[in-house]
């Protein structure tokens, strides 16, 4: 069984990025994957910013990345790039911290003008960390994501289908023997 880790680089627990990532992880879990989440905002800020990987919480987080077969990296767009919070965490990973892993970048933003954030900001650092394969990823407009009372989310149908097609591509790209053939289940499970 594939072990998947979804990393949220959003500084807000109620961000659209976090809501979308929750939806993705729930659907992957229902499809039979061992899918967990790591919210970088929950790590100790002083140790994160000082780059102290020996701190117990940071060691655990780095171990979670190391143990994963596939990693989803999600971030809102800040200043035409990914968040500084996510950058601080990615800087803690060793140079080969994503070696052998399939990675899915997910980005949310307020304008279509930032759609290239995946290719020009996030993909290069994920590749530099040795990812085996960085799939195409998905950019979602904030207007396509509606927060629901109680922490739920509604994603506009077309955007949701595109999102889960990207997740299906991610699942299909996992190392041989780790995918469950769950791709079509992911799209149909809305």
C-alpha atoms as a PDB file:
ATOM      1  CA  UNK A   1       0.000   0.000   0.000  1.00  0.00           C
ATOM      2  CA  UNK A   2       1.270   3.446  -0.882  1.00  0.00           C
ATOM      3  CA  UNK A   3       1.997   5.862   1.883  1.00  0.00           C
ATOM      4  CA  UNK A   4       1.049   9.386   0.840  1.00  0.00           C
ATOM      5  CA  UNK A   5       1.753  12.643   2.606  1.00  0.00           C
ATOM      6  CA  UNK A   6      -0.067  15.903   1.885  1.00  0.00           C
ATOM      7  CA  UNK A   7       1.897  18.977   2.960  1.00  0.00           C
ATOM      8  CA  UNK A   8       0.037  22.249   3.443  1.00  0.00           C
ATOM      9  CA  UNK A   9       2.177  25.343   3.139  1.00  0.00           C
ATOM     10  CA  UNK A  10      -0.684  27.653   4.048  1.00  0.00           C
ATOM     11  CA  UNK A  11      -0.236  29.786   7.159  1.00  0.00           C
ATOM     12  CA  UNK A  12      -4.010  29.670   7.792  1.00  0.00           C
ATOM     13  CA  UNK A  13      -5.907  26.649   9.111  1.00  0.00           C
ATOM     14  CA  UNK A  14      -9.059  27.885   7.381  1.00  0.00           C
ATOM     15  CA  UNK A  15      -7.496  28.671   4.019  1.00  0.00           C
ATOM     16  CA  UNK A  16      -8.961  27.399   0.783  1.00  0.00           C
ATOM     17  CA  UNK A  17      -5.720  25.514   0.223  1.00  0.00           C
ATOM     18  CA  UNK A  18      -6.134  23.619   3.495  1.00  0.00           C
ATOM     19  CA  UNK A  19      -9.780  22.844   2.699  1.00  0.00           C
ATOM     20  CA  UNK A  20      -8.932  21.479  -0.752  1.00  0.00           C
ATOM     21  CA  UNK A  21      -6.101  19.403   0.675  1.00  0.00           C
ATOM     22  CA  UNK A  22      -8.432  17.946   3.325  1.00  0.00           C
ATOM     23  CA  UNK A  23     -10.835  16.918   0.543  1.00  0.00           C
ATOM     24  CA  UNK A  24      -8.031  15.273  -1.456  1.00  0.00           C
ATOM     25  CA  UNK A  25      -6.722  13.353   1.564  1.00  0.00           C
ATOM     26  CA  UNK A  26     -10.210  12.147   2.524  1.00  0.00           C
ATOM     27  CA  UNK A  27     -10.827  10.878  -0.980  1.00  0.00           C
ATOM     28  CA  UNK A  28      -7.435   9.143  -1.181  1.00  0.00           C
ATOM     29  CA  UNK A  29      -8.099   7.485   2.188  1.00  0.00           C
ATOM     30  CA  UNK A  30     -11.522   6.266   1.034  1.00  0.00           C
ATOM     31  CA  UNK A  31      -9.818   4.793  -2.052  1.00  0.00           C
ATOM     32  CA  UNK A  32      -7.559   2.717   0.217  1.00  0.00           C
ATOM     33  CA  UNK A  33      -4.391   4.771   0.458  1.00  0.00           C
ATOM     34  CA  UNK A  34      -2.516   5.426   3.690  1.00  0.00           C
ATOM     35  CA  UNK A  35      -2.805   9.214   3.331  1.00  0.00           C
ATOM     36  CA  UNK A  36      -1.701  11.638   6.028  1.00  0.00           C
ATOM     37  CA  UNK A  37      -1.333  15.379   6.340  1.00  0.00           C
ATOM     38  CA  UNK A  38       1.348  17.725   7.532  1.00  0.00           C
ATOM     39  CA  UNK A  39       0.391  21.351   8.169  1.00  0.00           C
ATOM     40  CA  UNK A  40       3.658  23.286   8.226  1.00  0.00           C
ATOM     41  CA  UNK A  41       1.914  26.053  10.211  1.00  0.00           C
ATOM     42  CA  UNK A  42       1.659  23.607  13.148  1.00  0.00           C
ATOM     43  CA  UNK A  43       5.431  23.152  13.415  1.00  0.00           C
ATOM     44  CA  UNK A  44       7.324  25.212  16.020  1.00  0.00           C
ATOM     45  CA  UNK A  45       7.981  28.509  14.230  1.00  0.00           C
ATOM     46  CA  UNK A  46      11.245  29.480  15.939  1.00  0.00           C
ATOM     47  CA  UNK A  47      12.871  26.128  15.165  1.00  0.00           C
ATOM     48  CA  UNK A  48      11.468  26.085  11.626  1.00  0.00           C
ATOM     49  CA  UNK A  49      12.762  29.565  10.806  1.00  0.00           C
ATOM     50  CA  UNK A  50      16.118  28.874  12.453  1.00  0.00           C
ATOM     51  CA  UNK A  51      16.415  25.663  10.424  1.00  0.00           C
ATOM     52  CA  UNK A  52      16.825  23.347  13.407  1.00  0.00           C
ATOM     53  CA  UNK A  53      15.933  19.880  12.061  1.00  0.00           C
ATOM     54  CA  UNK A  54      17.077  18.291  15.336  1.00  0.00           C
ATOM     55  CA  UNK A  55      13.945  19.584  17.118  1.00  0.00           C
ATOM     56  CA  UNK A  56      11.628  16.614  17.827  1.00  0.00           C
ATOM     57  CA  UNK A  57       8.615  18.016  15.922  1.00  0.00           C
ATOM     58  CA  UNK A  58      10.733  18.867  12.897  1.00  0.00           C
ATOM     59  CA  UNK A  59      12.454  15.467  13.019  1.00  0.00           C
ATOM     60  CA  UNK A  60       9.029  13.782  12.974  1.00  0.00           C
ATOM     61  CA  UNK A  61       7.877  15.924  10.051  1.00  0.00           C
ATOM     62  CA  UNK A  62      11.028  15.168   8.069  1.00  0.00           C
ATOM     63  CA  UNK A  63      10.607  11.461   8.830  1.00  0.00           C
ATOM     64  CA  UNK A  64       7.029  11.603   7.488  1.00  0.00           C
ATOM     65  CA  UNK A  65       8.348  12.980   4.199  1.00  0.00           C
ATOM     66  CA  UNK A  66      11.082  10.347   4.094  1.00  0.00           C
ATOM     67  CA  UNK A  67       8.578   7.509   4.713  1.00  0.00           C
ATOM     68  CA  UNK A  68       6.134   8.622   1.992  1.00  0.00           C
ATOM     69  CA  UNK A  69       5.979   7.087  -1.487  1.00  0.00           C
ATOM     70  CA  UNK A  70       4.136  10.104  -2.823  1.00  0.00           C
ATOM     71  CA  UNK A  71       3.935  13.698  -1.623  1.00  0.00           C
ATOM     72  CA  UNK A  72       1.316  16.334  -2.364  1.00  0.00           C
ATOM     73  CA  UNK A  73       2.629  19.860  -1.861  1.00  0.00           C
ATOM     74  CA  UNK A  74      -0.122  22.474  -1.562  1.00  0.00           C
ATOM     75  CA  UNK A  75       0.252  26.221  -1.199  1.00  0.00           C
ATOM     76  CA  UNK A  76      -1.615  29.438  -1.810  1.00  0.00           C
ATOM     77  CA  UNK A  77       0.071  31.979  -4.077  1.00  0.00           C
ATOM     78  CA  UNK A  78       1.907  34.684  -2.132  1.00  0.00           C
ATOM     79  CA  UNK A  79       3.772  37.370  -4.056  1.00  0.00           C
ATOM     80  CA  UNK A  80       3.603  35.307  -7.281  1.00  0.00           C
ATOM     81  CA  UNK A  81       5.191  32.257  -5.634  1.00  0.00           C
ATOM     82  CA  UNK A  82       4.643  29.669  -2.912  1.00  0.00           C
ATOM     83  CA  UNK A  83       4.547  30.741   0.721  1.00  0.00           C
ATOM     84  CA  UNK A  84       7.621  31.529   2.785  1.00  0.00           C
ATOM     85  CA  UNK A  85       6.318  29.027   5.326  1.00  0.00           C
ATOM     86  CA  UNK A  86       6.537  26.252   2.738  1.00  0.00           C
ATOM     87  CA  UNK A  87       9.968  27.503   1.644  1.00  0.00           C
ATOM     88  CA  UNK A  88      11.246  27.311   5.222  1.00  0.00           C
ATOM     89  CA  UNK A  89      10.122  23.680   5.456  1.00  0.00           C
ATOM     90  CA  UNK A  90      11.447  22.657   2.053  1.00  0.00           C
ATOM     91  CA  UNK A  91      14.799  24.202   3.026  1.00  0.00           C
ATOM     92  CA  UNK A  92      14.988  21.739   5.932  1.00  0.00           C
ATOM     93  CA  UNK A  93      14.806  18.730   3.624  1.00  0.00           C
ATOM     94  CA  UNK A  94      18.125  17.223   2.611  1.00  0.00           C
ATOM     95  CA  UNK A  95      19.193  17.802  -1.007  1.00  0.00           C
ATOM     96  CA  UNK A  96      17.715  14.390  -1.905  1.00  0.00           C
ATOM     97  CA  UNK A  97      14.701  14.763   0.398  1.00  0.00           C
ATOM     98  CA  UNK A  98      12.218  13.837  -2.345  1.00  0.00           C
ATOM     99  CA  UNK A  99      14.359  11.199  -4.062  1.00  0.00           C
ATOM    100  CA  UNK A 100      12.319   8.296  -5.391  1.00  0.00           C
ATOM    101  CA  UNK A 101       9.030  10.075  -4.692  1.00  0.00           C
ATOM    102  CA  UNK A 102       6.191  11.098  -6.955  1.00  0.00           C
ATOM    103  CA  UNK A 103       5.088  14.658  -6.197  1.00  0.00           C
ATOM    104  CA  UNK A 104       1.842  16.491  -6.949  1.00  0.00           C
ATOM    105  CA  UNK A 105       1.957  20.293  -6.684  1.00  0.00           C
ATOM    106  CA  UNK A 106      -1.377  21.977  -5.875  1.00  0.00           C
ATOM    107  CA  UNK A 107      -1.684  25.762  -5.850  1.00  0.00           C
ATOM    108  CA  UNK A 108      -4.613  28.059  -5.075  1.00  0.00           C
ATOM    109  CA  UNK A 109      -4.774  31.695  -6.032  1.00  0.00           C
ATOM    110  CA  UNK A 110      -6.993  34.667  -6.674  1.00  0.00           C
ATOM    111  CA  UNK A 111      -6.079  35.288 -10.298  1.00  0.00           C
ATOM    112  CA  UNK A 112      -5.394  33.235 -13.420  1.00  0.00           C
ATOM    113  CA  UNK A 113      -2.308  35.421 -13.799  1.00  0.00           C
ATOM    114  CA  UNK A 114      -0.516  33.179 -11.274  1.00  0.00           C
ATOM    115  CA  UNK A 115      -1.183  29.840 -12.961  1.00  0.00           C
ATOM    116  CA  UNK A 116       2.500  29.502 -13.860  1.00  0.00           C
ATOM    117  CA  UNK A 117       3.477  29.494 -10.188  1.00  0.00           C
ATOM    118  CA  UNK A 118       3.598  25.704 -10.388  1.00  0.00           C
ATOM    119  CA  UNK A 119       6.021  25.597 -13.299  1.00  0.00           C
ATOM    120  CA  UNK A 120       8.194  28.616 -12.538  1.00  0.00           C
ATOM    121  CA  UNK A 121       8.344  28.623  -8.748  1.00  0.00           C
ATOM    122  CA  UNK A 122       7.346  25.278  -7.232  1.00  0.00           C
ATOM    123  CA  UNK A 123       8.382  22.624  -9.784  1.00  0.00           C
ATOM    124  CA  UNK A 124      12.067  23.714  -9.877  1.00  0.00           C
ATOM    125  CA  UNK A 125      12.528  23.338  -6.107  1.00  0.00           C
ATOM    126  CA  UNK A 126      10.686  19.991  -6.045  1.00  0.00           C
ATOM    127  CA  UNK A 127      12.914  18.743  -8.853  1.00  0.00           C
ATOM    128  CA  UNK A 128      16.025  20.092  -7.128  1.00  0.00           C
ATOM    129  CA  UNK A 129      15.081  18.002  -4.082  1.00  0.00           C
ATOM    130  CA  UNK A 130      15.368  14.887  -6.256  1.00  0.00           C
ATOM    131  CA  UNK A 131      11.708  14.022  -6.889  1.00  0.00           C
ATOM    132  CA  UNK A 132      11.434  10.944  -9.082  1.00  0.00           C
ATOM    133  CA  UNK A 133       8.504  12.502 -10.922  1.00  0.00           C
ATOM    134  CA  UNK A 134       6.673  15.812 -10.474  1.00  0.00           C
ATOM    135  CA  UNK A 135       3.271  15.398 -12.134  1.00  0.00           C
ATOM    136  CA  UNK A 136       1.571  18.294 -13.923  1.00  0.00           C
ATOM    137  CA  UNK A 137      -0.217  19.543 -10.812  1.00  0.00           C
ATOM    138  CA  UNK A 138      -3.244  21.775 -10.582  1.00  0.00           C
ATOM    139  CA  UNK A 139      -3.929  25.458 -10.037  1.00  0.00           C
ATOM    140  CA  UNK A 140      -7.335  26.281  -8.535  1.00  0.00           C
ATOM    141  CA  UNK A 141      -8.872  29.721  -8.458  1.00  0.00           C
ATOM    142  CA  UNK A 142     -10.093  30.839  -5.056  1.00  0.00           C
ATOM    143  CA  UNK A 143     -13.481  31.608  -6.627  1.00  0.00           C
ATOM    144  CA  UNK A 144     -13.914  27.889  -7.424  1.00  0.00           C
ATOM    145  CA  UNK A 145     -13.569  26.963  -3.736  1.00  0.00           C
ATOM    146  CA  UNK A 146     -16.340  27.636  -1.245  1.00  0.00           C
ATOM    147  CA  UNK A 147     -15.787  27.086   2.468  1.00  0.00           C
ATOM    148  CA  UNK A 148     -18.763  25.402   4.096  1.00  0.00           C
ATOM    149  CA  UNK A 149     -19.911  25.699   7.713  1.00  0.00           C
ATOM    150  CA  UNK A 150     -18.144  23.183   9.923  1.00  0.00           C
ATOM    151  CA  UNK A 151     -14.961  23.121   7.848  1.00  0.00           C
ATOM    152  CA  UNK A 152     -16.329  21.478   4.718  1.00  0.00           C
ATOM    153  CA  UNK A 153     -15.634  22.613   1.189  1.00  0.00           C
ATOM    154  CA  UNK A 154     -17.502  22.801  -2.088  1.00  0.00           C
ATOM    155  CA  UNK A 155     -15.398  22.965  -5.219  1.00  0.00           C
ATOM    156  CA  UNK A 156     -17.060  24.028  -8.449  1.00  0.00           C
ATOM    157  CA  UNK A 157     -17.732  20.866 -10.478  1.00  0.00           C
ATOM    158  CA  UNK A 158     -15.387  21.620 -13.389  1.00  0.00           C
ATOM    159  CA  UNK A 159     -12.548  22.618 -11.059  1.00  0.00           C
ATOM    160  CA  UNK A 160     -13.169  19.558  -8.880  1.00  0.00           C
ATOM    161  CA  UNK A 161     -13.019  17.251 -11.882  1.00  0.00           C
ATOM    162  CA  UNK A 162      -9.748  18.849 -13.025  1.00  0.00           C
ATOM    163  CA  UNK A 163      -8.352  18.569  -9.495  1.00  0.00           C
ATOM    164  CA  UNK A 164      -9.137  14.874  -9.206  1.00  0.00           C
ATOM    165  CA  UNK A 165      -7.840  14.154 -12.712  1.00  0.00           C
ATOM    166  CA  UNK A 166      -4.542  15.609 -11.483  1.00  0.00           C
ATOM    167  CA  UNK A 167      -4.785  13.418  -8.367  1.00  0.00           C
ATOM    168  CA  UNK A 168      -5.493  10.419 -10.626  1.00  0.00           C
ATOM    169  CA  UNK A 169      -2.366  11.223 -12.671  1.00  0.00           C
ATOM    170  CA  UNK A 170      -0.429  11.391  -9.395  1.00  0.00           C
ATOM    171  CA  UNK A 171      -1.779   8.007  -8.284  1.00  0.00           C
ATOM    172  CA  UNK A 172      -0.970   6.480 -11.687  1.00  0.00           C
ATOM    173  CA  UNK A 173       2.591   7.834 -11.483  1.00  0.00           C
ATOM    174  CA  UNK A 174       3.356   6.321  -8.070  1.00  0.00           C
ATOM    175  CA  UNK A 175       6.136   3.726  -8.094  1.00  0.00           C
ATOM    176  CA  UNK A 176       5.102   0.390  -9.622  1.00  0.00           C
ATOM    177  CA  UNK A 177       2.973  -1.753  -7.386  1.00  0.00           C
ATOM    178  CA  UNK A 178       1.889   1.093  -5.118  1.00  0.00           C
ATOM    179  CA  UNK A 179      -1.214   2.329  -6.973  1.00  0.00           C
ATOM    180  CA  UNK A 180      -4.501   0.584  -6.314  1.00  0.00           C
ATOM    181  CA  UNK A 181      -6.096   1.414  -9.635  1.00  0.00           C
ATOM    182  CA  UNK A 182      -8.171   3.916  -7.675  1.00  0.00           C
ATOM    183  CA  UNK A 183      -8.014   6.798 -10.133  1.00  0.00           C
ATOM    184  CA  UNK A 184     -11.540   6.510 -11.504  1.00  0.00           C
ATOM    185  CA  UNK A 185     -12.810   6.044  -7.935  1.00  0.00           C
ATOM    186  CA  UNK A 186     -11.191   9.356  -7.006  1.00  0.00           C
ATOM    187  CA  UNK A 187     -13.025  11.282  -9.698  1.00  0.00           C
ATOM    188  CA  UNK A 188     -16.386   9.578  -9.160  1.00  0.00           C
ATOM    189  CA  UNK A 189     -16.322   9.853  -5.356  1.00  0.00           C
ATOM    190  CA  UNK A 190     -17.535  13.447  -5.120  1.00  0.00           C
END
